Amino acid sequence: MSLDFTAIDFETANSSTASACAVGMVRVRGGRVVARAGWLIQPPPGHDAFAPVNIGIHGIRAEDVVGAKGWSAQLDDLCAFAGADVLVAHNAGFDMNVIRRACEATGDACPPYRYLCSLQLARRSYELDSYRLPRVAAAAGFADFAHHDARADAEACAHIVVDAARRHGARDVPTLVAVAGVRISALAAAAAARVA
């Protein structure tokens, strides 16, 4: 086995986790980034208002997603990029809840992805005063990225996992979670349940 996974990050239009307005994904094979993808998303109806606070964070406005695919139309693209990989996200509970809640809002089947939280991994891998994504990414040697750009955040997350694996001497995700003492969880339609 080798260090293979897909890092993912969502931006939301408002406080509803169903309001996905952008996604970024980075595929890692053998501990190296081999592919990047990202696109804007029209949030599901009823979750499509763009709140000023969210716009202030990521800069995405309602007019930016005009013409972008909605959640249902892009879910296959997301799943095609990620394949059967373990998904990795910084504060993964948020990003996995975006998938689950957006699927609930649109009536789509929630894909049963397994996932790892790089925030939890970072707490087991670094001694830092803050575990926010920019601080941990810098500790992993990935600094000066466009924070709150979904693709850049996904790439920062990928670098954290690769660096943590190096620090722990792990060559694959199962070994990394065992050595670091973190869990792989599973995304389910009703709730995110711990499985490992």
C-alpha atoms as a PDB file:
ATOM      1  CA  MET A   1       0.000   0.000   0.000  1.00  0.00           C
ATOM      2  CA  SER A   2       0.998   3.609  -0.405  1.00  0.00           C
ATOM      3  CA  LEU A   3      -0.136   6.979   0.914  1.00  0.00           C
ATOM      4  CA  ASP A   4      -3.207   7.479  -1.305  1.00  0.00           C
ATOM      5  CA  PHE A   5      -6.180   9.746  -0.495  1.00  0.00           C
ATOM      6  CA  THR A   6      -8.191  12.722  -1.736  1.00  0.00           C
ATOM      7  CA  ALA A   7      -8.178  15.981   0.218  1.00  0.00           C
ATOM      8  CA  ILE A   8     -11.371  18.026  -0.019  1.00  0.00           C
ATOM      9  CA  ASP A   9     -12.588  21.447   1.087  1.00  0.00           C
ATOM     10  CA  PHE A  10     -15.921  23.234   0.743  1.00  0.00           C
ATOM     11  CA  GLU A  11     -16.915  26.865   1.007  1.00  0.00           C
ATOM     12  CA  THR A  12     -20.514  27.660   1.920  1.00  0.00           C
ATOM     13  CA  ALA A  13     -22.778  30.537   0.961  1.00  0.00           C
ATOM     14  CA  ASN A  14     -24.222  30.980   4.446  1.00  0.00           C
ATOM     15  CA  SER A  15     -24.480  29.302   7.854  1.00  0.00           C
ATOM     16  CA  SER A  16     -26.336  26.293   6.405  1.00  0.00           C
ATOM     17  CA  THR A  17     -23.923  23.447   5.792  1.00  0.00           C
ATOM     18  CA  ALA A  18     -26.123  22.499   2.819  1.00  0.00           C
ATOM     19  CA  SER A  19     -25.120  25.748   1.080  1.00  0.00           C
ATOM     20  CA  ALA A  20     -22.022  24.479  -0.745  1.00  0.00           C
ATOM     21  CA  CYS A  21     -20.865  27.147  -3.195  1.00  0.00           C
ATOM     22  CA  ALA A  22     -17.358  25.875  -4.004  1.00  0.00           C
ATOM     23  CA  VAL A  23     -15.362  22.675  -3.726  1.00  0.00           C
ATOM     24  CA  GLY A  24     -11.653  21.978  -4.049  1.00  0.00           C
ATOM     25  CA  MET A  25     -10.088  18.517  -4.289  1.00  0.00           C
ATOM     26  CA  VAL A  26      -6.526  17.255  -4.448  1.00  0.00           C
ATOM     27  CA  ARG A  27      -5.639  13.641  -5.254  1.00  0.00           C
ATOM     28  CA  VAL A  28      -2.558  12.155  -3.599  1.00  0.00           C
ATOM     29  CA  ARG A  29      -0.847   8.987  -4.787  1.00  0.00           C
ATOM     30  CA  GLY A  30       2.227   7.609  -3.088  1.00  0.00           C
ATOM     31  CA  GLY A  31       2.471  10.734  -0.944  1.00  0.00           C
ATOM     32  CA  ARG A  32       2.541  13.090  -3.953  1.00  0.00           C
ATOM     33  CA  VAL A  33      -0.098  15.437  -5.353  1.00  0.00           C
ATOM     34  CA  VAL A  34      -1.045  14.079  -8.775  1.00  0.00           C
ATOM     35  CA  ALA A  35      -4.271  15.962  -9.599  1.00  0.00           C
ATOM     36  CA  ARG A  36      -6.202  19.048  -8.552  1.00  0.00           C
ATOM     37  CA  ALA A  37      -9.792  20.078  -9.248  1.00  0.00           C
ATOM     38  CA  GLY A  38     -12.180  22.717  -8.056  1.00  0.00           C
ATOM     39  CA  TRP A  39     -15.307  24.483  -9.175  1.00  0.00           C
ATOM     40  CA  LEU A  40     -18.136  26.728  -8.099  1.00  0.00           C
ATOM     41  CA  ILE A  41     -21.488  25.243  -7.129  1.00  0.00           C
ATOM     42  CA  GLN A  42     -24.988  26.722  -7.171  1.00  0.00           C
ATOM     43  CA  PRO A  43     -26.197  26.017  -3.622  1.00  0.00           C
ATOM     44  CA  PRO A  44     -29.431  24.023  -3.336  1.00  0.00           C
ATOM     45  CA  PRO A  45     -32.683  26.028  -3.408  1.00  0.00           C
ATOM     46  CA  GLY A  46     -33.590  27.227   0.066  1.00  0.00           C
ATOM     47  CA  HIS A  47     -29.896  27.312   0.998  1.00  0.00           C
ATOM     48  CA  ASP A  48     -28.776  29.678  -1.755  1.00  0.00           C
ATOM     49  CA  ALA A  49     -28.656  33.072  -0.045  1.00  0.00           C
ATOM     50  CA  PHE A  50     -25.122  34.476   0.170  1.00  0.00           C
ATOM     51  CA  ALA A  51     -24.501  35.897   3.638  1.00  0.00           C
ATOM     52  CA  PRO A  52     -22.206  38.941   3.923  1.00  0.00           C
ATOM     53  CA  VAL A  53     -20.066  37.185   6.541  1.00  0.00           C
ATOM     54  CA  ASN A  54     -19.438  34.230   4.211  1.00  0.00           C
ATOM     55  CA  ILE A  55     -18.732  36.518   1.260  1.00  0.00           C
ATOM     56  CA  GLY A  56     -16.246  38.328   3.490  1.00  0.00           C
ATOM     57  CA  ILE A  57     -14.471  35.027   4.187  1.00  0.00           C
ATOM     58  CA  HIS A  58     -14.188  33.543   0.690  1.00  0.00           C
ATOM     59  CA  GLY A  59     -15.202  36.352  -1.674  1.00  0.00           C
ATOM     60  CA  ILE A  60     -17.738  34.245  -3.594  1.00  0.00           C
ATOM     61  CA  ARG A  61     -20.989  36.064  -4.438  1.00  0.00           C
ATOM     62  CA  ALA A  62     -24.314  34.917  -5.874  1.00  0.00           C
ATOM     63  CA  GLU A  63     -23.407  36.303  -9.305  1.00  0.00           C
ATOM     64  CA  ASP A  64     -20.246  34.191  -9.328  1.00  0.00           C
ATOM     65  CA  VAL A  65     -22.198  30.918  -9.294  1.00  0.00           C
ATOM     66  CA  VAL A  66     -24.653  31.866 -12.040  1.00  0.00           C
ATOM     67  CA  GLY A  67     -24.112  29.213 -14.688  1.00  0.00           C
ATOM     68  CA  ALA A  68     -22.347  26.837 -12.291  1.00  0.00           C
ATOM     69  CA  LYS A  69     -23.768  23.342 -11.838  1.00  0.00           C
ATOM     70  CA  GLY A  70     -26.033  22.731  -8.877  1.00  0.00           C
ATOM     71  CA  TRP A  71     -25.256  20.130  -6.224  1.00  0.00           C
ATOM     72  CA  SER A  72     -27.102  17.258  -7.945  1.00  0.00           C
ATOM     73  CA  ALA A  73     -25.460  17.969 -11.290  1.00  0.00           C
ATOM     74  CA  GLN A  74     -21.933  18.065  -9.874  1.00  0.00           C
ATOM     75  CA  LEU A  75     -22.126  15.257  -7.293  1.00  0.00           C
ATOM     76  CA  ASP A  76     -21.104  12.681  -9.923  1.00  0.00           C
ATOM     77  CA  ASP A  77     -18.087  14.853 -10.826  1.00  0.00           C
ATOM     78  CA  LEU A  78     -17.055  15.024  -7.178  1.00  0.00           C
ATOM     79  CA  CYS A  79     -17.403  11.257  -6.765  1.00  0.00           C
ATOM     80  CA  ALA A  80     -15.583  10.579 -10.035  1.00  0.00           C
ATOM     81  CA  PHE A  81     -12.597  12.628  -8.885  1.00  0.00           C
ATOM     82  CA  ALA A  82     -12.475  11.089  -5.397  1.00  0.00           C
ATOM     83  CA  GLY A  83     -13.182   7.529  -6.534  1.00  0.00           C
ATOM     84  CA  ALA A  84     -13.003   5.108  -3.611  1.00  0.00           C
ATOM     85  CA  ASP A  85     -10.379   7.158  -1.748  1.00  0.00           C
ATOM     86  CA  VAL A  86     -10.473   8.035   1.904  1.00  0.00           C
ATOM     87  CA  LEU A  87     -11.394  11.735   1.982  1.00  0.00           C
ATOM     88  CA  VAL A  88      -9.291  14.049   4.121  1.00  0.00           C
ATOM     89  CA  ALA A  89     -10.359  17.498   5.310  1.00  0.00           C
ATOM     90  CA  HIS A  90      -9.262  19.960   7.962  1.00  0.00           C
ATOM     91  CA  ASN A  91     -12.095  19.910  10.498  1.00  0.00           C
ATOM     92  CA  ALA A  92     -13.611  17.085   8.461  1.00  0.00           C
ATOM     93  CA  GLY A  93     -16.868  17.080  10.401  1.00  0.00           C
ATOM     94  CA  PHE A  94     -17.783  20.345   8.687  1.00  0.00           C
ATOM     95  CA  ASP A  95     -16.920  19.210   5.160  1.00  0.00           C
ATOM     96  CA  MET A  96     -18.584  15.803   5.542  1.00  0.00           C
ATOM     97  CA  ASN A  97     -21.674  17.534   6.913  1.00  0.00           C
ATOM     98  CA  VAL A  98     -21.715  19.717   3.780  1.00  0.00           C
ATOM     99  CA  ILE A  99     -21.912  16.555   1.654  1.00  0.00           C
ATOM    100  CA  ARG A 100     -24.582  14.962   3.843  1.00  0.00           C
ATOM    101  CA  ARG A 101     -26.737  18.076   4.219  1.00  0.00           C
ATOM    102  CA  ALA A 102     -26.491  19.104   0.548  1.00  0.00           C
ATOM    103  CA  CYS A 103     -27.586  15.584  -0.412  1.00  0.00           C
ATOM    104  CA  GLU A 104     -30.487  15.821   2.037  1.00  0.00           C
ATOM    105  CA  ALA A 105     -31.494  19.198   0.567  1.00  0.00           C
ATOM    106  CA  THR A 106     -31.507  17.852  -2.997  1.00  0.00           C
ATOM    107  CA  GLY A 107     -32.729  14.303  -2.338  1.00  0.00           C
ATOM    108  CA  ASP A 108     -29.508  12.775  -3.637  1.00  0.00           C
ATOM    109  CA  ALA A 109     -28.082   9.602  -2.108  1.00  0.00           C
ATOM    110  CA  CYS A 110     -25.249  10.484   0.240  1.00  0.00           C
ATOM    111  CA  PRO A 111     -22.049   8.756  -0.900  1.00  0.00           C
ATOM    112  CA  PRO A 112     -20.680   6.535   1.905  1.00  0.00           C
ATOM    113  CA  TYR A 113     -17.180   7.950   1.996  1.00  0.00           C
ATOM    114  CA  ARG A 114     -14.653   7.091   4.666  1.00  0.00           C
ATOM    115  CA  TYR A 115     -12.812  10.131   5.948  1.00  0.00           C
ATOM    116  CA  LEU A 116      -9.947  11.360   8.089  1.00  0.00           C
ATOM    117  CA  CYS A 117      -9.713  14.703   9.879  1.00  0.00           C
ATOM    118  CA  SER A 118      -6.379  16.473   9.349  1.00  0.00           C
ATOM    119  CA  LEU A 119      -7.158  18.756  12.305  1.00  0.00           C
ATOM    120  CA  GLN A 120      -7.222  15.746  14.646  1.00  0.00           C
ATOM    121  CA  LEU A 121      -4.114  14.388  12.947  1.00  0.00           C
ATOM    122  CA  ALA A 122      -2.342  17.738  13.352  1.00  0.00           C
ATOM    123  CA  ARG A 123      -3.015  17.741  17.098  1.00  0.00           C
ATOM    124  CA  ARG A 124      -1.239  14.367  17.285  1.00  0.00           C
ATOM    125  CA  SER A 125       1.619  15.411  15.017  1.00  0.00           C
ATOM    126  CA  TYR A 126       2.636  18.991  15.900  1.00  0.00           C
ATOM    127  CA  GLU A 127       3.127  21.147  18.982  1.00  0.00           C
ATOM    128  CA  LEU A 128       1.501  24.431  17.912  1.00  0.00           C
ATOM    129  CA  ASP A 129      -0.234  27.350  19.582  1.00  0.00           C
ATOM    130  CA  SER A 130      -3.028  27.128  16.992  1.00  0.00           C
ATOM    131  CA  TYR A 131      -4.261  24.317  14.784  1.00  0.00           C
ATOM    132  CA  ARG A 132      -5.995  26.529  12.229  1.00  0.00           C
ATOM    133  CA  LEU A 133      -5.275  25.441   8.677  1.00  0.00           C
ATOM    134  CA  PRO A 134      -2.732  28.186   7.780  1.00  0.00           C
ATOM    135  CA  ARG A 135      -0.700  27.560  10.934  1.00  0.00           C
ATOM    136  CA  VAL A 136      -0.601  23.779  10.507  1.00  0.00           C
ATOM    137  CA  ALA A 137       0.084  24.030   6.774  1.00  0.00           C
ATOM    138  CA  ALA A 138       3.054  26.298   7.513  1.00  0.00           C
ATOM    139  CA  ALA A 139       4.377  23.729  10.004  1.00  0.00           C
ATOM    140  CA  ALA A 140       4.044  21.128   7.240  1.00  0.00           C
ATOM    141  CA  GLY A 141       6.089  23.315   4.886  1.00  0.00           C
ATOM    142  CA  PHE A 142       3.151  24.621   2.835  1.00  0.00           C
ATOM    143  CA  ALA A 143       2.867  28.341   3.542  1.00  0.00           C
ATOM    144  CA  ASP A 144       1.545  31.371   1.678  1.00  0.00           C
ATOM    145  CA  PHE A 145      -1.514  29.807   0.059  1.00  0.00           C
ATOM    146  CA  ALA A 146      -4.854  31.504  -0.665  1.00  0.00           C
ATOM    147  CA  HIS A 147      -6.741  30.533   2.498  1.00  0.00           C
ATOM    148  CA  HIS A 148     -10.491  30.064   1.885  1.00  0.00           C
ATOM    149  CA  ASP A 149      -9.905  29.241  -1.760  1.00  0.00           C
ATOM    150  CA  ALA A 150     -11.330  25.701  -1.713  1.00  0.00           C
ATOM    151  CA  ARG A 151      -8.676  24.160  -3.957  1.00  0.00           C
ATOM    152  CA  ALA A 152      -5.808  25.857  -2.106  1.00  0.00           C
ATOM    153  CA  ASP A 153      -7.232  24.746   1.241  1.00  0.00           C
ATOM    154  CA  ALA A 154      -7.563  21.160  -0.033  1.00  0.00           C
ATOM    155  CA  GLU A 155      -3.943  21.238  -1.164  1.00  0.00           C
ATOM    156  CA  ALA A 156      -2.820  22.602   2.210  1.00  0.00           C
ATOM    157  CA  CYS A 157      -4.707  19.755   3.887  1.00  0.00           C
ATOM    158  CA  ALA A 158      -3.036  17.221   1.583  1.00  0.00           C
ATOM    159  CA  HIS A 159       0.406  18.548   2.507  1.00  0.00           C
ATOM    160  CA  ILE A 160      -0.416  18.284   6.217  1.00  0.00           C
ATOM    161  CA  VAL A 161      -1.315  14.609   5.876  1.00  0.00           C
ATOM    162  CA  VAL A 162       1.777  13.841   3.790  1.00  0.00           C
ATOM    163  CA  ASP A 163       4.030  15.626   6.288  1.00  0.00           C
ATOM    164  CA  ALA A 164       2.336  13.956   9.272  1.00  0.00           C
ATOM    165  CA  ALA A 165       2.830  10.564   7.627  1.00  0.00           C
ATOM    166  CA  ARG A 166       6.522  11.348   7.180  1.00  0.00           C
ATOM    167  CA  ARG A 167       6.828  12.428  10.817  1.00  0.00           C
ATOM    168  CA  HIS A 168       5.133   9.239  12.014  1.00  0.00           C
ATOM    169  CA  GLY A 169       7.017   6.987   9.579  1.00  0.00           C
ATOM    170  CA  ALA A 170       3.747   5.819   8.009  1.00  0.00           C
ATOM    171  CA  ARG A 171       3.600   4.708   4.383  1.00  0.00           C
ATOM    172  CA  ASP A 172      -0.182   4.491   4.047  1.00  0.00           C
ATOM    173  CA  VAL A 173      -3.368   5.870   5.586  1.00  0.00           C
ATOM    174  CA  PRO A 174      -4.218   2.800   7.742  1.00  0.00           C
ATOM    175  CA  THR A 175      -0.745   2.835   9.295  1.00  0.00           C
ATOM    176  CA  LEU A 176      -0.898   6.606   9.797  1.00  0.00           C
ATOM    177  CA  VAL A 177      -4.171   6.499  11.709  1.00  0.00           C
ATOM    178  CA  ALA A 178      -2.957   3.587  13.834  1.00  0.00           C
ATOM    179  CA  VAL A 179       0.361   5.218  14.720  1.00  0.00           C
ATOM    180  CA  ALA A 180      -1.074   8.715  15.254  1.00  0.00           C
ATOM    181  CA  GLY A 181      -4.024   7.457  17.299  1.00  0.00           C
ATOM    182  CA  VAL A 182      -6.743   9.041  15.149  1.00  0.00           C
ATOM    183  CA  ARG A 183      -9.790   7.511  13.496  1.00  0.00           C
ATOM    184  CA  ILE A 184     -11.184   6.969  10.060  1.00  0.00           C
ATOM    185  CA  SER A 185     -14.907   7.675  10.163  1.00  0.00           C
ATOM    186  CA  ALA A 186     -17.677   6.965   7.673  1.00  0.00           C
ATOM    187  CA  LEU A 187     -20.136   9.350   6.101  1.00  0.00           C
ATOM    188  CA  ALA A 188     -23.683   8.058   6.360  1.00  0.00           C
ATOM    189  CA  ALA A 189     -26.937   9.600   5.236  1.00  0.00           C
ATOM    190  CA  ALA A 190     -28.364   9.909   8.748  1.00  0.00           C
ATOM    191  CA  ALA A 191     -25.155  10.875  10.524  1.00  0.00           C
ATOM    192  CA  ALA A 192     -21.415  10.579  10.401  1.00  0.00           C
ATOM    193  CA  ALA A 193     -20.566   7.443  12.389  1.00  0.00           C
ATOM    194  CA  ARG A 194     -17.172   6.363  13.635  1.00  0.00           C
ATOM    195  CA  VAL A 195     -16.010   3.035  12.194  1.00  0.00           C
ATOM    196  CA  ALA A 196     -12.297   2.676  12.907  1.00  0.00           C
END
